[in-house]
Amino acid sequence: MVSFCDKRSIACLGRIAGPQAPLWVCFVSLILLAGLLLAGPGIAHASEPPTLAQSEFFEAKIRPVLIEHCYQCHNSSTGAEGGLSVDDRKGMQKGGDRGVIFVPGQP
C-alpha cells in the first residue's frame, strides 16, 4: 500500500512509482535527447576557416595524394562516382552517398 505523501513532491513520485523513474524525468530526458539530435549536425559541421599553415599543409601533403589516387573518379566534371567530389573543400565536407569522408578533429 502507498503511504500518504504530498502528490506534488518529487520524493513522493519516486515512492509511488517504485524503482521506475518518474514520468517527468523521462519527459525531460526525451526533450534533451531531441535537442542534441537536432543540434548535433550543426555542431559537428561548424568549423572555422583553415589557417594559412593548415592550407599550406593541405596543398603540399594532402592534395597531391587526392589528385593521384582519387580525382580521376571523384570529380564534378566527369560525374563524381558515389556522389563524392574531391574538387574543393565544400565537396569533401559534404561527402558522398556513404557519408562524410573527413571529420574535423579526427584523423
PDB file of N, CA and C in Angstrom:
ATOM      1  N   MET A   1       0.834  -1.179   0.000  1.00  0.00           N
ATOM      2  CA  MET A   1       0.000   0.000   0.000  1.00  0.00           C
ATOM      3  C   MET A   1       0.880   1.244   0.000  1.00  0.00           C
ATOM      4  N   VAL A   2       0.461   2.266  -0.725  1.00  0.00           N
ATOM      5  CA  VAL A   2       1.209   3.509  -0.847  1.00  0.00           C
ATOM      6  C   VAL A   2       0.987   4.353   0.392  1.00  0.00           C
ATOM      7  N   SER A   3       2.099   4.859   0.940  1.00  0.00           N
ATOM      8  CA  SER A   3       1.977   5.718   2.113  1.00  0.00           C
ATOM      9  C   SER A   3       1.530   7.103   1.694  1.00  0.00           C
ATOM     10  N   PHE A   4       0.943   7.835   2.645  1.00  0.00           N
ATOM     11  CA  PHE A   4       0.454   9.171   2.361  1.00  0.00           C
ATOM     12  C   PHE A   4       1.634  10.121   2.160  1.00  0.00           C
ATOM     13  N   CYS A   5       1.589  10.893   1.121  1.00  0.00           N
ATOM     14  CA  CYS A   5       2.578  11.945   0.911  1.00  0.00           C
ATOM     15  C   CYS A   5       2.005  12.980  -0.036  1.00  0.00           C
ATOM     16  N   ASP A   6       2.632  14.125  -0.091  1.00  0.00           N
ATOM     17  CA  ASP A   6       2.195  15.188  -0.971  1.00  0.00           C
ATOM     18  C   ASP A   6       2.383  14.738  -2.418  1.00  0.00           C
ATOM     19  N   LYS A   7       1.324  14.710  -3.177  1.00  0.00           N
ATOM     20  CA  LYS A   7       1.367  14.194  -4.545  1.00  0.00           C
ATOM     21  C   LYS A   7       2.255  15.042  -5.458  1.00  0.00           C
ATOM     22  N   ARG A   8       2.565  16.274  -5.057  1.00  0.00           N
ATOM     23  CA  ARG A   8       3.372  17.146  -5.904  1.00  0.00           C
ATOM     24  C   ARG A   8       4.868  17.000  -5.658  1.00  0.00           C
ATOM     25  N   SER A   9       5.274  16.359  -4.626  1.00  0.00           N
ATOM     26  CA  SER A   9       6.705  16.294  -4.324  1.00  0.00           C
ATOM     27  C   SER A   9       7.397  15.224  -5.164  1.00  0.00           C
ATOM     28  N   ILE A  10       8.637  15.500  -5.507  1.00  0.00           N
ATOM     29  CA  ILE A  10       9.424  14.564  -6.313  1.00  0.00           C
ATOM     30  C   ILE A  10       9.654  13.269  -5.553  1.00  0.00           C
ATOM     31  N   ALA A  11       9.933  13.381  -4.268  1.00  0.00           N
ATOM     32  CA  ALA A  11      10.165  12.184  -3.461  1.00  0.00           C
ATOM     33  C   ALA A  11       8.932  11.301  -3.454  1.00  0.00           C
ATOM     34  N   CYS A  12       7.770  11.913  -3.393  1.00  0.00           N
ATOM     35  CA  CYS A  12       6.522  11.146  -3.395  1.00  0.00           C
ATOM     36  C   CYS A  12       6.378  10.397  -4.718  1.00  0.00           C
ATOM     37  N   LEU A  13       6.675  11.068  -5.824  1.00  0.00           N
ATOM     38  CA  LEU A  13       6.574  10.397  -7.120  1.00  0.00           C
ATOM     39  C   LEU A  13       7.497   9.190  -7.180  1.00  0.00           C
ATOM     40  N   GLY A  14       8.700   9.345  -6.637  1.00  0.00           N
ATOM     41  CA  GLY A  14       9.641   8.237  -6.615  1.00  0.00           C
ATOM     42  C   GLY A  14       9.125   7.079  -5.793  1.00  0.00           C
ATOM     43  N   ARG A  15       8.491   7.373  -4.650  1.00  0.00           N
ATOM     44  CA  ARG A  15       7.962   6.300  -3.802  1.00  0.00           C
ATOM     45  C   ARG A  15       6.761   5.623  -4.441  1.00  0.00           C
ATOM     46  N   ILE A  16       5.922   6.389  -5.111  1.00  0.00           N
ATOM     47  CA  ILE A  16       4.735   5.807  -5.741  1.00  0.00           C
ATOM     48  C   ILE A  16       5.133   4.942  -6.934  1.00  0.00           C
ATOM     49  N   ALA A  17       6.074   5.428  -7.737  1.00  0.00           N
ATOM     50  CA  ALA A  17       6.477   4.695  -8.935  1.00  0.00           C
ATOM     51  C   ALA A  17       7.412   3.541  -8.619  1.00  0.00           C
ATOM     52  N   GLY A  18       7.944   3.524  -7.421  1.00  0.00           N
ATOM     53  CA  GLY A  18       8.879   2.473  -7.060  1.00  0.00           C
ATOM     54  C   GLY A  18      10.215   2.719  -7.729  1.00  0.00           C
ATOM     55  N   PRO A  19      10.873   1.663  -8.214  1.00  0.00           N
ATOM     56  CA  PRO A  19      12.197   1.827  -8.799  1.00  0.00           C
ATOM     57  C   PRO A  19      12.173   2.506 -10.173  1.00  0.00           C
ATOM     58  N   GLN A  20      10.996   2.657 -10.759  1.00  0.00           N
ATOM     59  CA  GLN A  20      10.912   3.297 -12.068  1.00  0.00           C
ATOM     60  C   GLN A  20      11.066   4.808 -11.924  1.00  0.00           C
ATOM     61  N   ALA A  21      11.621   5.434 -12.942  1.00  0.00           N
ATOM     62  CA  ALA A  21      11.796   6.881 -12.923  1.00  0.00           C
ATOM     63  C   ALA A  21      10.444   7.569 -13.061  1.00  0.00           C
ATOM     64  N   PRO A  22      10.289   8.711 -12.393  1.00  0.00           N
ATOM     65  CA  PRO A  22       9.048   9.469 -12.549  1.00  0.00           C
ATOM     66  C   PRO A  22       8.862   9.893 -14.004  1.00  0.00           C
ATOM     67  N   LEU A  23       7.640  10.112 -14.391  1.00  0.00           N
ATOM     68  CA  LEU A  23       7.311  10.470 -15.766  1.00  0.00           C
ATOM     69  C   LEU A  23       8.023  11.745 -16.204  1.00  0.00           C
ATOM     70  N   TRP A  24       8.146  12.724 -15.328  1.00  0.00           N
ATOM     71  CA  TRP A  24       8.781  13.986 -15.716  1.00  0.00           C
ATOM     72  C   TRP A  24      10.257  13.788 -16.052  1.00  0.00           C
ATOM     73  N   VAL A  25      10.925  12.834 -15.389  1.00  0.00           N
ATOM     74  CA  VAL A  25      12.329  12.565 -15.694  1.00  0.00           C
ATOM     75  C   VAL A  25      12.444  12.013 -17.117  1.00  0.00           C
ATOM     76  N   CYS A  26      11.554  11.119 -17.477  1.00  0.00           N
ATOM     77  CA  CYS A  26      11.551  10.568 -18.835  1.00  0.00           C
ATOM     78  C   CYS A  26      11.272  11.667 -19.859  1.00  0.00           C
ATOM     79  N   PHE A  27      10.332  12.544 -19.552  1.00  0.00           N
ATOM     80  CA  PHE A  27       9.964  13.627 -20.456  1.00  0.00           C
ATOM     81  C   PHE A  27      11.140  14.582 -20.670  1.00  0.00           C
ATOM     82  N   VAL A  28      11.793  14.998 -19.588  1.00  0.00           N
ATOM     83  CA  VAL A  28      12.935  15.909 -19.691  1.00  0.00           C
ATOM     84  C   VAL A  28      14.074  15.244 -20.461  1.00  0.00           C
ATOM     85  N   SER A  29      14.323  13.977 -20.197  1.00  0.00           N
ATOM     86  CA  SER A  29      15.378  13.256 -20.918  1.00  0.00           C
ATOM     87  C   SER A  29      15.084  13.203 -22.410  1.00  0.00           C
ATOM     88  N   LEU A  30      13.832  12.969 -22.762  1.00  0.00           N
ATOM     89  CA  LEU A  30      13.436  12.916 -24.164  1.00  0.00           C
ATOM     90  C   LEU A  30      13.629  14.271 -24.836  1.00  0.00           C
ATOM     91  N   ILE A  31      13.277  15.341 -24.153  1.00  0.00           N
ATOM     92  CA  ILE A  31      13.456  16.695 -24.697  1.00  0.00           C
ATOM     93  C   ILE A  31      14.947  16.979 -24.929  1.00  0.00           C
ATOM     94  N   LEU A  32      15.790  16.641 -23.939  1.00  0.00           N
ATOM     95  CA  LEU A  32      17.229  16.872 -24.079  1.00  0.00           C
ATOM     96  C   LEU A  32      17.818  16.052 -25.227  1.00  0.00           C
ATOM     97  N   LEU A  33      17.408  14.812 -25.344  1.00  0.00           N
ATOM     98  CA  LEU A  33      17.899  13.957 -26.422  1.00  0.00           C
ATOM     99  C   LEU A  33      17.491  14.512 -27.787  1.00  0.00           C
ATOM    100  N   ALA A  34      16.245  14.941 -27.901  1.00  0.00           N
ATOM    101  CA  ALA A  34      15.778  15.518 -29.167  1.00  0.00           C
ATOM    102  C   ALA A  34      16.575  16.773 -29.512  1.00  0.00           C
ATOM    103  N   GLY A  35      16.851  17.600 -28.507  1.00  0.00           N
ATOM    104  CA  GLY A  35      17.646  18.807 -28.743  1.00  0.00           C
ATOM    105  C   GLY A  35      19.044  18.485 -29.228  1.00  0.00           C
ATOM    106  N   LEU A  36      19.669  17.481 -28.626  1.00  0.00           N
ATOM    107  CA  LEU A  36      21.017  17.088 -29.052  1.00  0.00           C
ATOM    108  C   LEU A  36      21.012  16.526 -30.472  1.00  0.00           C
ATOM    109  N   LEU A  37      19.999  15.740 -30.789  1.00  0.00           N
ATOM    110  CA  LEU A  37      19.926  15.162 -32.128  1.00  0.00           C
ATOM    111  C   LEU A  37      19.711  16.232 -33.189  1.00  0.00           C
ATOM    112  N   LEU A  38      18.900  17.236 -32.864  1.00  0.00           N
ATOM    113  CA  LEU A  38      18.645  18.299 -33.826  1.00  0.00           C
ATOM    114  C   LEU A  38      19.830  19.246 -33.956  1.00  0.00           C
ATOM    115  N   ALA A  39      20.523  19.506 -32.860  1.00  0.00           N
ATOM    116  CA  ALA A  39      21.653  20.436 -32.884  1.00  0.00           C
ATOM    117  C   ALA A  39      22.951  19.749 -33.286  1.00  0.00           C
ATOM    118  N   GLY A  40      23.031  18.446 -33.150  1.00  0.00           N
ATOM    119  CA  GLY A  40      24.269  17.711 -33.410  1.00  0.00           C
ATOM    120  C   GLY A  40      24.886  17.952 -34.766  1.00  0.00           C
ATOM    121  N   PRO A  41      24.124  17.815 -35.873  1.00  0.00           N
ATOM    122  CA  PRO A  41      24.742  18.044 -37.178  1.00  0.00           C
ATOM    123  C   PRO A  41      25.303  19.450 -37.337  1.00  0.00           C
ATOM    124  N   GLY A  42      24.622  20.442 -36.795  1.00  0.00           N
ATOM    125  CA  GLY A  42      25.118  21.811 -36.863  1.00  0.00           C
ATOM    126  C   GLY A  42      26.391  21.991 -36.077  1.00  0.00           C
ATOM    127  N   ILE A  43      26.476  21.355 -34.944  1.00  0.00           N
ATOM    128  CA  ILE A  43      27.668  21.452 -34.110  1.00  0.00           C
ATOM    129  C   ILE A  43      28.829  20.733 -34.779  1.00  0.00           C
ATOM    130  N   ALA A  44      28.555  19.560 -35.341  1.00  0.00           N
ATOM    131  CA  ALA A  44      29.620  18.766 -35.951  1.00  0.00           C
ATOM    132  C   ALA A  44      30.209  19.439 -37.185  1.00  0.00           C
ATOM    133  N   HIS A  45      29.396  20.178 -37.935  1.00  0.00           N
ATOM    134  CA  HIS A  45      29.877  20.777 -39.171  1.00  0.00           C
ATOM    135  C   HIS A  45      30.322  22.218 -39.012  1.00  0.00           C
ATOM    136  N   ALA A  46      30.116  22.792 -37.831  1.00  0.00           N
ATOM    137  CA  ALA A  46      30.556  24.162 -37.612  1.00  0.00           C
ATOM    138  C   ALA A  46      32.066  24.162 -37.424  1.00  0.00           C
ATOM    139  N   SER A  47      32.759  24.746 -38.370  1.00  0.00           N
ATOM    140  CA  SER A  47      34.211  24.814 -38.250  1.00  0.00           C
ATOM    141  C   SER A  47      34.691  26.160 -38.767  1.00  0.00           C
ATOM    142  N   GLU A  48      35.809  26.570 -38.248  1.00  0.00           N
ATOM    143  CA  GLU A  48      36.406  27.827 -38.675  1.00  0.00           C
ATOM    144  C   GLU A  48      37.169  27.600 -39.970  1.00  0.00           C
ATOM    145  N   PRO A  49      37.358  28.657 -40.746  1.00  0.00           N
ATOM    146  CA  PRO A  49      38.168  28.513 -41.959  1.00  0.00           C
ATOM    147  C   PRO A  49      39.583  28.078 -41.594  1.00  0.00           C
ATOM    148  N   PRO A  50      40.247  27.362 -42.478  1.00  0.00           N
ATOM    149  CA  PRO A  50      41.601  26.885 -42.159  1.00  0.00           C
ATOM    150  C   PRO A  50      42.587  28.047 -42.042  1.00  0.00           C
ATOM    151  N   THR A  51      43.579  27.856 -41.213  1.00  0.00           N
ATOM    152  CA  THR A  51      44.643  28.849 -41.080  1.00  0.00           C
ATOM    153  C   THR A  51      45.563  28.753 -42.291  1.00  0.00           C
ATOM    154  N   LEU A  52      46.456  29.710 -42.417  1.00  0.00           N
ATOM    155  CA  LEU A  52      47.406  29.697 -43.529  1.00  0.00           C
ATOM    156  C   LEU A  52      48.287  28.445 -43.479  1.00  0.00           C
ATOM    157  N   ALA A  53      48.736  28.086 -42.277  1.00  0.00           N
ATOM    158  CA  ALA A  53      49.578  26.890 -42.124  1.00  0.00           C
ATOM    159  C   ALA A  53      48.813  25.624 -42.512  1.00  0.00           C
ATOM    160  N   GLN A  54      47.530  25.554 -42.131  1.00  0.00           N
ATOM    161  CA  GLN A  54      46.718  24.391 -42.485  1.00  0.00           C
ATOM    162  C   GLN A  54      46.520  24.310 -43.998  1.00  0.00           C
ATOM    163  N   SER A  55      46.277  25.455 -44.632  1.00  0.00           N
ATOM    164  CA  SER A  55      46.098  25.476 -46.090  1.00  0.00           C
ATOM    165  C   SER A  55      47.371  25.047 -46.809  1.00  0.00           C
ATOM    166  N   GLU A  56      48.503  25.541 -46.330  1.00  0.00           N
ATOM    167  CA  GLU A  56      49.778  25.167 -46.942  1.00  0.00           C
ATOM    168  C   GLU A  56      50.057  23.672 -46.777  1.00  0.00           C
ATOM    169  N   PHE A  57      49.753  23.137 -45.600  1.00  0.00           N
ATOM    170  CA  PHE A  57      49.939  21.705 -45.363  1.00  0.00           C
ATOM    171  C   PHE A  57      49.058  20.894 -46.306  1.00  0.00           C
ATOM    172  N   PHE A  58      47.796  21.316 -46.447  1.00  0.00           N
ATOM    173  CA  PHE A  58      46.869  20.611 -47.327  1.00  0.00           C
ATOM    174  C   PHE A  58      47.381  20.613 -48.764  1.00  0.00           C
ATOM    175  N   GLU A  59      47.796  21.775 -49.240  1.00  0.00           N
ATOM    176  CA  GLU A  59      48.265  21.881 -50.626  1.00  0.00           C
ATOM    177  C   GLU A  59      49.537  21.074 -50.866  1.00  0.00           C
ATOM    178  N   ALA A  60      50.415  21.009 -49.866  1.00  0.00           N
ATOM    179  CA  ALA A  60      51.695  20.310 -50.038  1.00  0.00           C
ATOM    180  C   ALA A  60      51.600  18.806 -49.816  1.00  0.00           C
ATOM    181  N   LYS A  61      50.777  18.371 -48.870  1.00  0.00           N
ATOM    182  CA  LYS A  61      50.770  16.955 -48.472  1.00  0.00           C
ATOM    183  C   LYS A  61      49.507  16.188 -48.866  1.00  0.00           C
ATOM    184  N   ILE A  62      48.364  16.829 -48.800  1.00  0.00           N
ATOM    185  CA  ILE A  62      47.092  16.115 -48.991  1.00  0.00           C
ATOM    186  C   ILE A  62      46.619  16.162 -50.443  1.00  0.00           C
ATOM    187  N   ARG A  63      46.570  17.368 -51.019  1.00  0.00           N
ATOM    188  CA  ARG A  63      46.049  17.487 -52.382  1.00  0.00           C
ATOM    189  C   ARG A  63      46.785  16.593 -53.384  1.00  0.00           C
ATOM    190  N   PRO A  64      48.117  16.480 -53.348  1.00  0.00           N
ATOM    191  CA  PRO A  64      48.787  15.575 -54.300  1.00  0.00           C
ATOM    192  C   PRO A  64      48.317  14.120 -54.183  1.00  0.00           C
ATOM    193  N   VAL A  65      48.042  13.672 -52.982  1.00  0.00           N
ATOM    194  CA  VAL A  65      47.547  12.299 -52.790  1.00  0.00           C
ATOM    195  C   VAL A  65      46.147  12.163 -53.375  1.00  0.00           C
ATOM    196  N   LEU A  66      45.294  13.162 -53.138  1.00  0.00           N
ATOM    197  CA  LEU A  66      43.938  13.124 -53.696  1.00  0.00           C
ATOM    198  C   LEU A  66      43.978  13.127 -55.221  1.00  0.00           C
ATOM    199  N   ILE A  67      44.834  13.954 -55.792  1.00  0.00           N
ATOM    200  CA  ILE A  67      44.940  14.018 -57.253  1.00  0.00           C
ATOM    201  C   ILE A  67      45.426  12.685 -57.821  1.00  0.00           C
ATOM    202  N   GLU A  68      46.410  12.100 -57.187  1.00  0.00           N
ATOM    203  CA  GLU A  68      46.982  10.849 -57.689  1.00  0.00           C
ATOM    204  C   GLU A  68      46.042   9.656 -57.532  1.00  0.00           C
ATOM    205  N   HIS A  69      45.324   9.586 -56.415  1.00  0.00           N
ATOM    206  CA  HIS A  69      44.553   8.376 -56.116  1.00  0.00           C
ATOM    207  C   HIS A  69      43.033   8.529 -56.185  1.00  0.00           C
ATOM    208  N   CYS A  70      42.504   9.751 -56.176  1.00  0.00           N
ATOM    209  CA  CYS A  70      41.054   9.922 -56.038  1.00  0.00           C
ATOM    210  C   CYS A  70      40.406  10.730 -57.161  1.00  0.00           C
ATOM    211  N   TYR A  71      41.108  11.750 -57.631  1.00  0.00           N
ATOM    212  CA  TYR A  71      40.498  12.741 -58.517  1.00  0.00           C
ATOM    213  C   TYR A  71      39.964  12.164 -59.821  1.00  0.00           C
ATOM    214  N   GLN A  72      40.580  11.145 -60.353  1.00  0.00           N
ATOM    215  CA  GLN A  72      40.157  10.582 -61.637  1.00  0.00           C
ATOM    216  C   GLN A  72      38.691  10.129 -61.600  1.00  0.00           C
ATOM    217  N   CYS A  73      38.250   9.549 -60.504  1.00  0.00           N
ATOM    218  CA  CYS A  73      36.874   9.049 -60.398  1.00  0.00           C
ATOM    219  C   CYS A  73      35.952   9.988 -59.615  1.00  0.00           C
ATOM    220  N   HIS A  74      36.514  10.790 -58.738  1.00  0.00           N
ATOM    221  CA  HIS A  74      35.697  11.608 -57.835  1.00  0.00           C
ATOM    222  C   HIS A  74      35.866  13.095 -58.118  1.00  0.00           C
ATOM    223  N   ASN A  75      35.429  13.516 -59.301  1.00  0.00           N
ATOM    224  CA  ASN A  75      35.455  14.939 -59.630  1.00  0.00           C
ATOM    225  C   ASN A  75      34.127  15.330 -60.249  1.00  0.00           C
ATOM    226  N   SER A  76      33.806  16.599 -60.179  1.00  0.00           N
ATOM    227  CA  SER A  76      32.497  17.051 -60.640  1.00  0.00           C
ATOM    228  C   SER A  76      32.385  17.090 -62.165  1.00  0.00           C
ATOM    229  N   SER A  77      33.479  17.191 -62.876  1.00  0.00           N
ATOM    230  CA  SER A  77      33.398  17.285 -64.336  1.00  0.00           C
ATOM    231  C   SER A  77      33.069  15.947 -64.997  1.00  0.00           C
ATOM    232  N   THR A  78      33.449  14.831 -64.405  1.00  0.00           N
ATOM    233  CA  THR A  78      33.145  13.519 -65.001  1.00  0.00           C
ATOM    234  C   THR A  78      32.007  12.804 -64.280  1.00  0.00           C
ATOM    235  N   GLY A  79      31.319  13.493 -63.396  1.00  0.00           N
ATOM    236  CA  GLY A  79      30.240  12.863 -62.644  1.00  0.00           C
ATOM    237  C   GLY A  79      30.803  12.096 -61.476  1.00  0.00           C
ATOM    238  N   ALA A  80      30.894  12.740 -60.364  1.00  0.00           N
ATOM    239  CA  ALA A  80      31.546  12.191 -59.175  1.00  0.00           C
ATOM    240  C   ALA A  80      30.995  10.817 -58.810  1.00  0.00           C
ATOM    241  N   GLU A  81      31.850   9.808 -58.894  1.00  0.00           N
ATOM    242  CA  GLU A  81      31.464   8.433 -58.567  1.00  0.00           C
ATOM    243  C   GLU A  81      31.054   8.352 -57.098  1.00  0.00           C
ATOM    244  N   GLY A  82      29.925   7.718 -56.840  1.00  0.00           N
ATOM    245  CA  GLY A  82      29.435   7.583 -55.467  1.00  0.00           C
ATOM    246  C   GLY A  82      28.979   8.897 -54.860  1.00  0.00           C
ATOM    247  N   GLY A  83      28.797   9.914 -55.708  1.00  0.00           N
ATOM    248  CA  GLY A  83      28.358  11.210 -55.210  1.00  0.00           C
ATOM    249  C   GLY A  83      29.446  12.003 -54.509  1.00  0.00           C
ATOM    250  N   LEU A  84      30.676  11.519 -54.532  1.00  0.00           N
ATOM    251  CA  LEU A  84      31.777  12.176 -53.834  1.00  0.00           C
ATOM    252  C   LEU A  84      32.640  12.959 -54.810  1.00  0.00           C
ATOM    253  N   SER A  85      32.800  14.239 -54.520  1.00  0.00           N
ATOM    254  CA  SER A  85      33.657  15.096 -55.324  1.00  0.00           C
ATOM    255  C   SER A  85      34.783  15.630 -54.452  1.00  0.00           C
ATOM    256  N   VAL A  86      36.019  15.454 -54.906  1.00  0.00           N
ATOM    257  CA  VAL A  86      37.174  15.968 -54.163  1.00  0.00           C
ATOM    258  C   VAL A  86      37.734  17.218 -54.833  1.00  0.00           C
ATOM    259  N   ASP A  87      36.899  17.897 -55.615  1.00  0.00           N
ATOM    260  CA  ASP A  87      37.322  19.123 -56.296  1.00  0.00           C
ATOM    261  C   ASP A  87      37.663  20.249 -55.329  1.00  0.00           C
ATOM    262  N   ASP A  88      36.877  20.384 -54.286  1.00  0.00           N
ATOM    263  CA  ASP A  88      37.074  21.503 -53.370  1.00  0.00           C
ATOM    264  C   ASP A  88      36.665  21.118 -51.951  1.00  0.00           C
ATOM    265  N   ARG A  89      36.901  22.034 -51.028  1.00  0.00           N
ATOM    266  CA  ARG A  89      36.612  21.809 -49.607  1.00  0.00           C
ATOM    267  C   ARG A  89      35.134  21.490 -49.374  1.00  0.00           C
ATOM    268  N   LYS A  90      34.264  22.227 -50.044  1.00  0.00           N
ATOM    269  CA  LYS A  90      32.824  22.031 -49.858  1.00  0.00           C
ATOM    270  C   LYS A  90      32.398  20.615 -50.262  1.00  0.00           C
ATOM    271  N   GLY A  91      32.915  20.134 -51.379  1.00  0.00           N
ATOM    272  CA  GLY A  91      32.581  18.789 -51.842  1.00  0.00           C
ATOM    273  C   GLY A  91      33.062  17.711 -50.891  1.00  0.00           C
ATOM    274  N   MET A  92      34.255  17.907 -50.328  1.00  0.00           N
ATOM    275  CA  MET A  92      34.792  16.913 -49.391  1.00  0.00           C
ATOM    276  C   MET A  92      34.053  16.952 -48.055  1.00  0.00           C
ATOM    277  N   GLN A  93      33.641  18.146 -47.619  1.00  0.00           N
ATOM    278  CA  GLN A  93      32.888  18.243 -46.369  1.00  0.00           C
ATOM    279  C   GLN A  93      31.500  17.636 -46.519  1.00  0.00           C
ATOM    280  N   LYS A  94      30.907  17.796 -47.704  1.00  0.00           N
ATOM    281  CA  LYS A  94      29.581  17.233 -47.952  1.00  0.00           C
ATOM    282  C   LYS A  94      29.628  15.710 -47.950  1.00  0.00           C
ATOM    283  N   GLY A  95      30.691  15.154 -48.512  1.00  0.00           N
ATOM    284  CA  GLY A  95      30.800  13.703 -48.589  1.00  0.00           C
ATOM    285  C   GLY A  95      30.057  13.156 -49.787  1.00  0.00           C
ATOM    286  N   GLY A  96      29.875  11.845 -49.788  1.00  0.00           N
ATOM    287  CA  GLY A  96      29.208  11.191 -50.908  1.00  0.00           C
ATOM    288  C   GLY A  96      28.007  10.393 -50.448  1.00  0.00           C
ATOM    289  N   ASP A  97      27.654   9.406 -51.233  1.00  0.00           N
ATOM    290  CA  ASP A  97      26.495   8.565 -50.925  1.00  0.00           C
ATOM    291  C   ASP A  97      26.659   7.802 -49.612  1.00  0.00           C
ATOM    292  N   ARG A  98      27.882   7.549 -49.210  1.00  0.00           N
ATOM    293  CA  ARG A  98      28.148   6.798 -47.975  1.00  0.00           C
ATOM    294  C   ARG A  98      28.434   7.699 -46.781  1.00  0.00           C
ATOM    295  N   GLY A  99      28.289   9.003 -46.955  1.00  0.00           N
ATOM    296  CA  GLY A  99      28.518   9.929 -45.846  1.00  0.00           C
ATOM    297  C   GLY A  99      29.781  10.738 -46.020  1.00  0.00           C
ATOM    298  N   VAL A 100      30.187  11.395 -44.936  1.00  0.00           N
ATOM    299  CA  VAL A 100      31.359  12.265 -44.985  1.00  0.00           C
ATOM    300  C   VAL A 100      32.641  11.438 -44.996  1.00  0.00           C
ATOM    301  N   ILE A 101      33.688  12.015 -45.572  1.00  0.00           N
ATOM    302  CA  ILE A 101      34.964  11.301 -45.624  1.00  0.00           C
ATOM    303  C   ILE A 101      35.946  11.836 -44.597  1.00  0.00           C
ATOM    304  N   PHE A 102      35.770  13.085 -44.193  1.00  0.00           N
ATOM    305  CA  PHE A 102      36.631  13.695 -43.184  1.00  0.00           C
ATOM    306  C   PHE A 102      35.773  14.237 -42.062  1.00  0.00           C
ATOM    307  N   VAL A 103      36.195  14.013 -40.834  1.00  0.00           N
ATOM    308  CA  VAL A 103      35.526  14.577 -39.671  1.00  0.00           C
ATOM    309  C   VAL A 103      36.524  15.499 -38.989  1.00  0.00           C
ATOM    310  N   PRO A 104      36.184  16.796 -38.851  1.00  0.00           N
ATOM    311  CA  PRO A 104      37.121  17.724 -38.227  1.00  0.00           C
ATOM    312  C   PRO A 104      37.579  17.232 -36.855  1.00  0.00           C
ATOM    313  N   GLY A 105      38.882  17.256 -36.648  1.00  0.00           N
ATOM    314  CA  GLY A 105      39.443  16.832 -35.367  1.00  0.00           C
ATOM    315  C   GLY A 105      39.719  15.344 -35.255  1.00  0.00           C
ATOM    316  N   GLN A 106      39.332  14.574 -36.276  1.00  0.00           N
ATOM    317  CA  GLN A 106      39.586  13.131 -36.253  1.00  0.00           C
ATOM    318  C   GLN A 106      40.413  12.755 -37.476  1.00  0.00           C
ATOM    319  N   PRO A 107      41.620  12.261 -37.257  1.00  0.00           N
ATOM    320  CA  PRO A 107      42.472  11.913 -38.401  1.00  0.00           C
ATOM    321  C   PRO A 107      41.946  10.714 -39.169  1.00  0.00           C
TER     322      PRO A 107
END
